Amino acid sequence: MKLNNMKYNDGAIKTKKRVGRGTGSGTGKTAGRGENGQKSRSGYSRKAGFEGGQLPLYRRIPKRGFSNARFKKEYAVVNLNDLNRFDEGMMITPEVLKECGLVKKELNGIKILANGTLEKKLNIKAHKFSIKAKEKIELVGGTIEVI
């Protein structure tokens, strides 16, 4: 078998219907689109759910159900590399973070994230810690306390 002898199977390729080509093709003039109306015009495309001007089904049916968005907890986040400004062995609490300006609002609590590296041994009190942050703090010799 050679590449120049390869052929598609019979019926595997259909010839494209060439519409609006005058005599012989059988699809001249209106090219199978009918006479008038929106669908016969060029550039026509209907949006999904369009019902010809009637109020669409997705707008007619009642919207109800439960959304958890109202009860979502947002935490003020602090990265590990931001904590390097404190002295070695210092106790870091939400009040201390607020005083130094790392946190503006406490929201639902403070969460310590593991971005950056911690170079000092610190004792940290916060509402939440990421797993990696716990590992990095304990690796340096610091302590963690969940409030």
Protein backbone atom coordinates (compact mmCIF):
# COMPACT_ATOMS: atom_id res chain seq x y z
CA MET A 1 0.00 0.00 0.00
CA LYS A 2 1.25 3.44 -0.92
CA LEU A 3 0.03 6.84 0.23
CA ASN A 4 -0.77 7.93 -3.31
CA ASN A 5 -3.05 4.90 -3.82
CA MET A 6 -5.17 5.44 -0.68
CA LYS A 7 -8.85 6.29 -1.17
CA TYR A 8 -11.84 6.94 1.05
CA ASN A 9 -14.51 4.23 1.19
CA ASP A 10 -17.53 4.61 -1.06
CA GLY A 11 -20.09 6.92 0.57
CA ALA A 12 -17.64 8.22 3.17
CA ILE A 13 -17.53 11.66 1.56
CA LYS A 14 -20.66 13.47 0.43
CA THR A 15 -20.43 16.30 -2.05
CA LYS A 16 -21.51 19.63 -0.59
CA LYS A 17 -24.90 20.92 -1.70
CA ARG A 18 -24.20 24.07 -3.76
CA VAL A 19 -27.32 26.18 -3.29
CA GLY A 20 -28.49 29.17 -5.30
CA ARG A 21 -26.51 28.24 -8.41
CA GLY A 22 -29.19 28.69 -11.08
CA THR A 23 -30.08 25.90 -13.45
CA GLY A 24 -29.34 22.24 -12.88
CA SER A 25 -28.88 22.21 -9.11
CA GLY A 26 -32.59 22.34 -8.30
CA THR A 27 -31.92 24.79 -5.45
CA GLY A 28 -31.74 28.09 -7.32
CA LYS A 29 -33.50 31.36 -6.59
CA THR A 30 -34.43 31.08 -2.90
CA ALA A 31 -31.94 28.26 -2.24
CA GLY A 32 -34.34 26.11 -0.23
CA ARG A 33 -35.13 28.89 2.27
CA GLY A 34 -38.71 29.57 1.18
CA GLU A 35 -40.06 32.91 -0.01
CA ASN A 36 -40.25 35.47 2.80
CA GLY A 37 -39.70 35.82 6.51
CA GLN A 38 -36.88 36.20 8.96
CA LYS A 39 -35.37 32.78 8.23
CA SER A 40 -35.02 33.55 4.53
CA ARG A 41 -32.76 36.56 5.15
CA SER A 42 -28.99 36.44 5.28
CA GLY A 43 -27.38 36.82 8.69
CA TYR A 44 -30.32 35.23 10.48
CA SER A 45 -29.57 33.58 13.78
CA ARG A 46 -32.04 32.93 16.58
CA LYS A 47 -31.00 33.10 20.21
CA ALA A 48 -31.49 29.97 22.31
CA GLY A 49 -34.88 30.11 24.00
CA PHE A 50 -36.34 32.68 21.58
CA GLU A 51 -40.09 32.15 21.11
CA GLY A 52 -40.96 34.66 18.41
CA GLY A 53 -41.48 37.59 20.77
CA GLN A 54 -43.56 35.59 23.26
CA LEU A 55 -42.19 35.72 26.79
CA PRO A 56 -39.70 32.82 26.86
CA LEU A 57 -40.27 29.80 29.09
CA TYR A 58 -37.21 30.49 31.23
CA ARG A 59 -38.71 33.91 32.13
CA ARG A 60 -42.26 32.61 32.67
CA ILE A 61 -41.52 29.93 35.22
CA PRO A 62 -41.17 30.90 38.91
CA LYS A 63 -37.68 31.28 40.27
CA ARG A 64 -37.32 29.73 43.66
CA GLY A 65 -34.97 27.52 45.55
CA PHE A 66 -32.14 27.74 48.00
CA SER A 67 -28.91 29.64 47.52
CA ASN A 68 -26.14 29.41 50.06
CA ALA A 69 -24.66 32.78 48.99
CA ARG A 70 -26.35 34.62 51.86
CA PHE A 71 -24.62 32.42 54.42
CA LYS A 72 -21.13 32.36 52.87
CA LYS A 73 -18.29 33.12 55.28
CA GLU A 74 -15.62 35.55 54.15
CA TYR A 75 -12.29 35.65 55.88
CA ALA A 76 -9.69 38.42 55.95
CA VAL A 77 -6.56 36.76 54.57
CA VAL A 78 -2.95 37.27 55.68
CA ASN A 79 0.01 35.71 53.88
CA LEU A 80 3.00 34.23 55.69
CA ASN A 81 5.50 36.61 54.08
CA ASP A 82 3.52 39.54 55.61
CA LEU A 83 4.22 38.15 59.10
CA ASN A 84 8.01 38.54 58.73
CA ARG A 85 7.73 42.16 59.96
CA PHE A 86 7.04 40.98 63.53
CA ASP A 87 9.73 40.21 66.15
CA GLU A 88 10.91 36.67 66.88
CA GLY A 89 8.67 34.76 69.34
CA MET A 90 5.90 37.38 69.31
CA MET A 91 2.25 36.42 69.93
CA ILE A 92 0.22 37.45 66.90
CA THR A 93 -3.53 37.90 67.41
CA PRO A 94 -6.26 39.46 65.26
CA GLU A 95 -5.96 42.66 67.35
CA VAL A 96 -2.23 42.92 66.58
CA LEU A 97 -2.87 42.40 62.87
CA LYS A 98 -5.52 45.14 62.93
CA GLU A 99 -3.23 47.60 64.75
CA CYS A 100 -0.36 47.19 62.29
CA GLY A 101 -2.70 47.56 59.27
CA LEU A 102 -2.40 44.07 57.77
CA VAL A 103 -6.13 43.58 58.24
CA LYS A 104 -8.70 46.35 57.80
CA LYS A 105 -11.86 44.42 58.67
CA GLU A 106 -11.95 41.13 60.50
CA LEU A 107 -15.06 39.98 58.54
CA ASN A 108 -15.90 36.42 59.70
CA GLY A 109 -12.41 35.86 60.99
CA ILE A 110 -8.80 35.81 59.88
CA LYS A 111 -7.25 33.11 57.73
CA ILE A 112 -3.51 32.60 57.39
CA LEU A 113 -2.40 31.52 53.91
CA ALA A 114 0.93 29.98 52.89
CA ASN A 115 2.06 32.51 50.25
CA GLY A 116 5.74 33.29 50.75
CA THR A 117 8.04 31.96 53.44
CA LEU A 118 8.11 32.58 57.18
CA GLU A 119 11.61 33.30 58.50
CA LYS A 120 10.82 33.83 62.19
CA LYS A 121 9.43 31.68 64.99
CA LEU A 122 6.00 33.16 65.79
CA ASN A 123 3.02 32.22 67.93
CA ILE A 124 -0.09 32.84 65.84
CA LYS A 125 -3.75 32.96 66.90
CA ALA A 126 -6.25 33.04 64.04
CA HIS A 127 -9.64 31.65 63.07
CA LYS A 128 -8.37 29.48 60.20
CA PHE A 129 -5.09 28.25 58.71
CA SER A 130 -4.41 26.65 55.37
CA ILE A 131 -2.77 23.22 55.60
CA LYS A 132 0.44 24.44 53.96
CA ALA A 133 0.58 27.47 56.29
CA LYS A 134 0.37 25.16 59.33
CA GLU A 135 3.23 23.07 57.98
CA LYS A 136 5.42 26.12 57.25
CA ILE A 137 4.81 27.72 60.66
CA GLU A 138 5.58 24.50 62.53
CA LEU A 139 8.65 23.89 60.35
CA VAL A 140 10.17 27.17 61.57
CA GLY A 141 9.27 26.29 65.17
CA GLY A 142 6.25 28.51 65.64
CA THR A 143 2.96 27.58 67.26
CA ILE A 144 -0.62 27.71 66.01
CA GLU A 145 -3.81 28.33 67.94
CA VAL A 146 -7.25 28.25 66.34
CA ILE A 147 -9.60 30.73 68.00
